[in-house]
Amino acid sequence: MSAASVPLSALRMKYMEKKEAFLEENIKVKEPISLFNEWMSQAVQTEGILEPNAASLATVNSKGCPSNRFVLLKDVSAAGFTFFTNYGSRKASDIENNNNVAMTLYWCPLRRSVRIEGTAEKIPKEDSLKYFHERPRASQIGSLASEQSSRIPSRQHLDQIEKKLKQDLGDDKEVPLPNWGGYLIRPRLIEFWQGQTDRLHDRIVFRKHAGVEKEVDNVLIHPAENGWVYERLAP
């Protein structure tokens, strides 16, 4: 059966049952970075999730037009979420004009997703350099060869640049850091989503910003740790 013969509207996936609902009382530590690390650990250990750190990154350009693409999440800390890219890329240009970004991870076998909203900022150059030289040498040369998002005449053009770099650098010369490095997303909102077969999906959102604690009413909005609050949203 061809894909064209299957109505997209008829596609259905079985999610979780009610007994497996994602409940507030099941969150060991009411703090989103800890919960994210717990979910990521489960994703890493789940068969069928080949790149658990693959994330869709959304940015907005100076004209207010959004775009998104997949990146690899490379670090999670109390400060936020770090990814790396070419600083001449479209996403970098967008961030330069408007540093509000959103990132989403989806782990299909777990029927889970995490959505992050925040602001992006460059990490220190020494941190970018350290990670750059931890990458496989071929990846370092590839980053040096490609001015990401710029127009090129052909695939062969890239291959020729790569070939020359390999000749110039040999096997021992250190690959210089190109216009490339990391961004840290400082989150102000992190949403944890878990799918339910009856479509009454679970959505628990953590928020953090100046004065947010004043919104706490212990009915709809609850206090969490480290200056966060959390709430449940209708699916």
Protein backbone atom coordinates (compact mmCIF):
# COMPACT_ATOMS: atom_id res chain seq x y z
CA MET A 1 0.00 0.00 0.00
CA SER A 2 1.46 3.33 -1.01
CA ALA A 3 1.62 6.25 1.37
CA ALA A 4 -0.54 8.24 -1.03
CA SER A 5 -3.40 5.74 -0.63
CA VAL A 6 -3.55 6.12 3.16
CA PRO A 7 -5.67 9.10 4.26
CA LEU A 8 -3.65 11.09 6.78
CA SER A 9 -6.85 11.82 8.66
CA ALA A 10 -7.20 8.08 9.36
CA LEU A 11 -3.80 7.65 10.99
CA ARG A 12 -4.03 6.87 14.69
CA MET A 13 -1.49 5.88 17.32
CA LYS A 14 -2.16 4.18 20.62
CA TYR A 15 -0.83 6.30 23.48
CA MET A 16 -0.92 5.71 27.23
CA GLU A 17 -3.86 4.38 29.24
CA LYS A 18 -5.42 6.21 32.18
CA LYS A 19 -3.54 4.04 34.68
CA GLU A 20 -0.31 5.39 33.17
CA ALA A 21 -1.32 9.06 33.39
CA PHE A 22 1.37 11.64 34.12
CA LEU A 23 0.31 13.01 37.50
CA GLU A 24 1.71 15.80 39.63
CA GLU A 25 2.23 13.46 42.58
CA ASN A 26 4.50 11.30 40.40
CA ILE A 27 7.01 14.14 39.96
CA LYS A 28 9.75 13.35 42.48
CA VAL A 29 11.24 16.85 42.51
CA LYS A 30 9.00 19.76 41.58
CA GLU A 31 11.66 21.38 39.40
CA PRO A 32 11.75 21.13 35.58
CA ILE A 33 15.47 20.57 34.97
CA SER A 34 15.46 17.56 37.28
CA LEU A 35 12.33 16.22 35.60
CA PHE A 36 13.83 16.82 32.15
CA ASN A 37 16.95 14.88 33.10
CA GLU A 38 14.79 12.02 34.37
CA TRP A 39 12.82 11.89 31.11
CA MET A 40 15.97 12.21 29.01
CA SER A 41 17.60 9.35 30.92
CA GLN A 42 14.60 7.15 30.14
CA ALA A 43 14.71 8.21 26.48
CA VAL A 44 18.43 7.35 26.22
CA GLN A 45 17.71 3.88 27.57
CA THR A 46 14.66 3.26 25.36
CA GLU A 47 15.14 1.01 22.34
CA GLY A 48 13.99 2.66 19.15
CA ILE A 49 14.98 6.19 20.13
CA LEU A 50 18.09 6.63 18.01
CA GLU A 51 18.82 10.28 18.79
CA PRO A 52 17.12 11.18 22.07
CA ASN A 53 18.81 14.60 22.02
CA ALA A 54 17.42 15.59 18.61
CA ALA A 55 15.41 18.77 19.07
CA SER A 56 13.44 21.11 16.83
CA LEU A 57 14.64 24.69 17.32
CA ALA A 58 12.33 27.55 16.34
CA THR A 59 13.58 31.09 15.75
CA VAL A 60 12.09 34.32 14.38
CA ASN A 61 13.80 36.69 11.95
CA SER A 62 13.80 40.49 11.96
CA LYS A 63 10.55 40.53 9.94
CA GLY A 64 8.74 38.33 12.44
CA CYS A 65 8.80 35.25 10.18
CA PRO A 66 9.41 31.98 12.07
CA SER A 67 11.52 29.04 10.96
CA ASN A 68 12.57 25.81 12.60
CA ARG A 69 15.08 23.03 12.11
CA PHE A 70 16.53 20.10 14.03
CA VAL A 71 19.64 20.50 16.16
CA LEU A 72 21.30 18.25 18.73
CA LEU A 73 20.97 19.19 22.38
CA LYS A 74 24.46 18.82 23.84
CA ASP A 75 24.20 19.91 27.46
CA VAL A 76 21.61 20.45 30.17
CA SER A 77 22.40 22.37 33.35
CA ALA A 78 20.63 24.44 35.97
CA ALA A 79 21.23 27.42 33.65
CA GLY A 80 19.48 25.84 30.67
CA PHE A 81 19.93 23.93 27.41
CA THR A 82 22.94 24.13 25.08
CA PHE A 83 23.27 23.42 21.36
CA PHE A 84 26.00 24.26 18.84
CA THR A 85 25.88 25.77 15.37
CA ASN A 86 27.66 27.97 12.86
CA TYR A 87 27.42 31.61 13.96
CA GLY A 88 26.85 32.61 10.34
CA SER A 89 23.80 30.37 9.94
CA ARG A 90 20.22 31.52 9.51
CA LYS A 91 19.33 30.49 13.05
CA ALA A 92 22.26 32.51 14.40
CA SER A 93 21.17 35.54 12.39
CA ASP A 94 17.64 35.17 13.75
CA ILE A 95 18.92 34.95 17.32
CA GLU A 96 21.05 38.05 16.79
CA ASN A 97 17.88 39.99 15.89
CA ASN A 98 15.48 38.30 18.29
CA ASN A 99 16.85 35.98 20.95
CA ASN A 100 13.46 34.51 21.87
CA VAL A 101 13.50 30.85 20.83
CA ALA A 102 11.57 27.63 21.35
CA MET A 103 12.84 24.05 21.39
CA THR A 104 10.84 20.81 21.26
CA LEU A 105 11.91 17.21 21.80
CA TYR A 106 9.64 14.26 20.96
CA TRP A 107 10.21 10.67 22.04
CA CYS A 108 7.64 8.61 20.15
CA PRO A 109 8.18 5.22 21.87
CA LEU A 110 7.60 6.91 25.23
CA ARG A 111 4.67 8.98 23.94
CA ARG A 112 6.35 12.01 25.47
CA SER A 113 7.39 15.48 24.42
CA VAL A 114 9.10 18.42 26.10
CA ARG A 115 8.63 21.99 24.91
CA ILE A 116 10.98 24.78 26.00
CA GLU A 117 10.63 28.55 25.60
CA GLY A 118 13.32 31.03 26.53
CA THR A 119 16.10 33.30 25.36
CA ALA A 120 19.31 32.22 23.63
CA GLU A 121 22.77 33.61 24.25
CA LYS A 122 26.25 32.63 23.09
CA ILE A 123 28.28 30.59 25.53
CA PRO A 124 31.90 31.58 26.33
CA LYS A 125 34.30 30.99 23.44
CA GLU A 126 36.53 28.76 25.54
CA ASP A 127 33.59 26.42 26.18
CA SER A 128 32.82 26.27 22.45
CA LEU A 129 36.49 25.59 21.67
CA LYS A 130 36.66 22.80 24.25
CA TYR A 131 33.62 21.04 22.82
CA PHE A 132 34.75 21.64 19.21
CA HIS A 133 37.97 19.71 19.80
CA GLU A 134 36.07 16.90 21.53
CA ARG A 135 34.22 16.22 18.27
CA PRO A 136 35.49 13.68 15.73
CA ARG A 137 38.20 15.22 13.52
CA ALA A 138 36.06 14.72 10.41
CA SER A 139 33.26 16.72 12.03
CA GLN A 140 35.65 19.52 12.94
CA ILE A 141 36.89 19.74 9.34
CA GLY A 142 33.33 19.59 8.05
CA SER A 143 32.36 22.56 10.21
CA LEU A 144 35.38 24.48 8.97
CA ALA A 145 34.58 23.65 5.33
CA SER A 146 30.95 24.77 5.42
CA GLU A 147 29.74 28.35 5.76
CA GLN A 148 26.33 27.18 6.91
CA SER A 149 23.27 28.59 5.13
CA SER A 150 25.35 30.29 2.41
CA ARG A 151 24.61 29.48 -1.25
CA ILE A 152 27.00 27.05 -2.96
CA PRO A 153 27.18 25.92 -6.60
CA SER A 154 27.28 22.16 -6.00
CA ARG A 155 28.06 19.30 -3.64
CA GLN A 156 31.40 18.97 -5.41
CA HIS A 157 32.26 22.50 -4.24
CA LEU A 158 32.06 21.36 -0.62
CA ASP A 159 34.03 18.19 -1.33
CA GLN A 160 36.83 20.21 -2.88
CA ILE A 161 37.04 22.54 0.12
CA GLU A 162 37.09 19.57 2.48
CA LYS A 163 39.79 17.83 0.44
CA LYS A 164 42.04 20.90 0.51
CA LEU A 165 41.57 21.36 4.26
CA LYS A 166 42.52 17.76 4.88
CA GLN A 167 45.65 18.21 2.75
CA ASP A 168 46.61 21.45 4.54
CA LEU A 169 45.96 20.13 8.04
CA GLY A 170 47.32 16.65 7.56
CA ASP A 171 46.76 14.21 10.38
CA ASP A 172 48.27 16.22 13.21
CA LYS A 173 47.59 19.94 12.86
CA GLU A 174 44.88 21.30 15.16
CA VAL A 175 41.70 22.20 13.31
CA PRO A 176 41.09 25.93 13.92
CA LEU A 177 37.75 26.95 15.37
CA PRO A 178 35.56 28.35 12.59
CA ASN A 179 32.77 30.90 13.09
CA TRP A 180 31.03 28.32 15.23
CA GLY A 181 29.98 27.77 18.82
CA GLY A 182 27.30 27.14 21.37
CA TYR A 183 24.11 28.83 22.46
CA LEU A 184 22.55 28.50 25.87
CA ILE A 185 18.77 28.65 26.04
CA ARG A 186 17.73 30.12 29.39
CA PRO A 187 14.22 28.75 29.89
CA ARG A 188 11.26 30.69 31.16
CA LEU A 189 8.75 27.92 30.34
CA ILE A 190 9.12 24.14 30.11
CA GLU A 191 6.13 21.97 29.23
CA PHE A 192 6.03 18.21 29.76
CA TRP A 193 3.52 16.37 27.56
CA GLN A 194 2.47 12.73 27.67
CA GLY A 195 -0.02 11.31 25.22
CA GLN A 196 -3.20 9.53 26.28
CA THR A 197 -5.13 7.19 23.98
CA ASP A 198 -8.41 8.97 24.77
CA ARG A 199 -6.71 12.22 23.65
CA LEU A 200 -7.00 13.70 27.15
CA HIS A 201 -3.25 14.21 27.06
CA ASP A 202 -1.28 15.24 30.14
CA ARG A 203 0.34 18.70 30.03
CA ILE A 204 2.25 20.03 33.01
CA VAL A 205 3.95 23.39 32.55
CA PHE A 206 6.67 24.96 34.67
CA ARG A 207 7.16 28.75 34.44
CA LYS A 208 9.77 31.08 35.87
CA HIS A 209 10.02 34.87 35.58
CA ALA A 210 10.14 37.90 37.83
CA GLY A 211 7.09 38.04 40.06
CA VAL A 212 5.69 34.67 39.00
CA GLU A 213 5.44 33.54 42.63
CA LYS A 214 2.66 36.12 43.11
CA GLU A 215 0.46 34.09 40.76
CA VAL A 216 0.45 31.06 43.08
CA ASP A 217 -3.06 30.24 44.35
CA ASN A 218 -2.53 26.51 45.13
CA VAL A 219 -5.57 25.74 42.99
CA LEU A 220 -4.47 26.32 39.41
CA ILE A 221 -0.92 27.53 39.97
CA HIS A 222 1.38 25.82 42.46
CA PRO A 223 4.81 26.64 43.91
CA ALA A 224 7.78 24.59 42.74
CA GLU A 225 11.47 24.65 43.61
CA ASN A 226 14.16 27.18 42.62
CA GLY A 227 11.73 29.98 41.78
CA TRP A 228 9.51 27.95 39.43
CA VAL A 229 5.74 27.47 39.52
CA TYR A 230 3.76 24.74 37.80
CA GLU A 231 0.28 24.27 36.42
CA ARG A 232 -1.72 21.72 34.42
CA LEU A 233 -3.15 22.75 31.06
CA ALA A 234 -6.10 21.24 29.21
CA PRO A 235 -5.03 19.23 26.16
